[in-house]
Protein backbone atom coordinates (compact mmCIF):
# COMPACT_ATOMS: atom_id res chain seq x y z
CA MET A 1 -26.56 -26.76 7.07
CA MET A 2 -25.18 -23.66 5.46
CA GLY A 3 -22.39 -22.84 3.04
CA PHE A 4 -18.97 -21.42 3.86
CA VAL A 5 -16.25 -20.25 1.51
CA PHE A 6 -12.80 -21.40 2.57
CA ARG A 7 -9.70 -19.74 1.21
CA LEU A 8 -6.37 -21.46 1.91
CA ILE A 9 -3.54 -18.98 1.51
CA PRO A 10 -0.11 -20.53 1.03
CA PRO A 11 2.93 -19.33 2.96
CA ARG A 12 4.49 -17.59 -0.08
CA PRO A 13 3.51 -16.52 -3.62
CA ASP A 14 5.68 -19.13 -5.38
CA PHE A 15 4.46 -22.00 -3.21
CA MET A 16 2.72 -23.92 -6.00
CA SER A 17 5.79 -23.96 -8.21
CA ARG A 18 8.52 -24.33 -5.55
CA MET A 19 7.28 -26.71 -2.87
CA SER A 20 9.83 -28.59 -0.80
CA ASP A 21 9.44 -32.37 -0.45
CA ASP A 22 7.95 -31.87 3.02
CA GLU A 23 5.48 -29.28 1.72
CA ARG A 24 4.53 -31.59 -1.17
CA ALA A 25 3.83 -34.40 1.32
CA THR A 26 1.62 -32.04 3.33
CA MET A 27 -0.27 -31.06 0.19
CA THR A 28 -0.78 -34.73 -0.71
CA SER A 29 -2.40 -35.24 2.71
CA HIS A 30 -4.37 -32.00 2.28
CA PHE A 31 -5.78 -33.16 -1.08
CA ALA A 32 -6.71 -36.56 0.38
CA TYR A 33 -8.47 -34.85 3.31
CA TRP A 34 -10.54 -32.60 1.03
CA GLY A 35 -11.26 -35.51 -1.32
CA GLU A 36 -12.74 -37.43 1.60
CA LEU A 37 -14.87 -34.41 2.59
CA LEU A 38 -16.07 -34.23 -1.02
CA ALA A 39 -16.96 -37.94 -1.02
CA GLN A 40 -18.90 -37.43 2.25
CA GLY A 41 -20.92 -34.57 0.73
CA ARG A 42 -19.42 -32.01 3.15
CA VAL A 43 -17.80 -30.09 0.28
CA ALA A 44 -19.59 -28.78 -2.82
CA ALA A 45 -16.42 -27.75 -4.67
CA VAL A 46 -12.69 -27.52 -4.02
CA GLY A 47 -9.53 -26.67 -5.93
CA PRO A 48 -6.49 -24.44 -6.44
CA VAL A 49 -6.89 -20.96 -7.93
CA ASN A 50 -4.12 -19.45 -10.06
CA ASP A 51 -4.89 -15.81 -9.24
CA PRO A 52 -2.36 -13.37 -10.77
CA ALA A 53 -2.27 -11.59 -7.39
CA GLY A 54 -1.19 -14.85 -5.75
CA PRO A 55 -2.42 -18.44 -5.83
CA TYR A 56 -4.68 -19.91 -3.17
CA GLY A 57 -7.00 -22.84 -2.62
CA ILE A 58 -10.75 -22.53 -2.37
CA GLY A 59 -13.43 -24.78 -0.97
CA ILE A 60 -17.18 -24.47 -0.62
CA VAL A 61 -18.05 -26.31 2.59
CA LEU A 62 -21.37 -27.35 4.10
CA ALA A 63 -21.35 -26.98 7.88
CA VAL A 64 -23.88 -26.64 10.67
CA ASP A 65 -22.37 -23.41 11.97
CA VAL A 66 -19.12 -21.46 12.23
CA ALA A 67 -17.75 -23.81 14.91
CA ASP A 68 -18.35 -26.78 12.60
CA ALA A 69 -16.63 -24.95 9.72
CA GLU A 70 -13.68 -24.14 11.99
CA ALA A 71 -13.44 -27.82 12.96
CA VAL A 72 -13.13 -28.70 9.25
CA ARG A 73 -10.33 -26.14 8.97
CA ASP A 74 -8.56 -27.33 12.10
CA ALA A 75 -8.47 -30.95 10.90
CA ASP A 76 -6.87 -30.01 7.56
CA PRO A 77 -3.30 -31.38 7.36
CA ALA A 78 -2.17 -28.09 5.76
CA MET A 79 -3.38 -26.17 8.80
CA GLN A 80 -1.85 -28.70 11.19
CA SER A 81 1.51 -28.39 9.46
CA ARG A 82 4.28 -25.98 10.42
CA HIS A 83 4.39 -24.46 6.92
CA GLY A 84 2.47 -21.28 7.72
CA PHE A 85 -0.80 -21.61 5.81
CA VAL A 86 -3.62 -19.21 6.64
CA THR A 87 -7.32 -19.88 6.13
CA GLU A 88 -10.09 -17.36 5.69
CA ILE A 89 -13.64 -18.59 6.28
CA ALA A 90 -16.73 -16.61 5.24
CA PRO A 91 -20.37 -17.67 5.59
CA MET A 92 -22.47 -17.66 2.45
CA VAL A 93 -25.89 -16.02 2.56
CA ARG A 94 -27.13 -18.72 0.20
CA LEU A 95 -25.44 -21.70 -1.44
CA VAL A 96 -27.19 -23.22 -4.45
CA THR A 97 -26.03 -26.64 -5.64
CA PRO A 98 -27.51 -29.30 -7.92
CA ALA A 99 -28.52 -31.11 -4.70
CA GLY A 100 -30.42 -28.12 -3.28
CA SER A 101 -30.18 -24.72 -1.61
CA PHE A 102 -28.63 -23.98 1.75
CA ASP A 103 -29.55 -20.68 3.37
CA ALA A 104 -27.83 -18.91 6.25
CA PRO A 105 -30.03 -18.45 9.33
CA GLY A 106 -32.18 -15.36 9.01
CA PHE A 107 -31.94 -15.20 5.21
CA SER A 108 -35.30 -14.59 3.57
CA ARG A 109 -35.94 -14.59 -0.12
C-alpha cells in the first residue's frame, strides 16, 4: 500500500455556500462514501478545506497503486454526478500515520 493525496475541486468557488438541493444530495452521498472508506481503513484523513483561493476537499488515501486510487475516485458519488467536480490525485513518497508508514515503491530512507 502507498499513500495518495486526493483533491476534490468543486465546480465553482461559491459551491460550499450556494449548493442546490441536488448538489447537497450529491455531497451527502459523497460524505457517506468517504466515511465508509475511513471506517474500512482505506482513508487516513478526509475533509473540506476553506482555502482563500477557493475551497476544495482533501483526502489521504491508501491504495495499492495508481489504478486502485483511480478506482476510489471513480466510485465517488461526486465524480459520478453531472455537477462538474474535478479530482487531482498525487502519490505520496511516504505517508506516516499512527498505524505505520507507507512508502512509495523505490523510496529509500
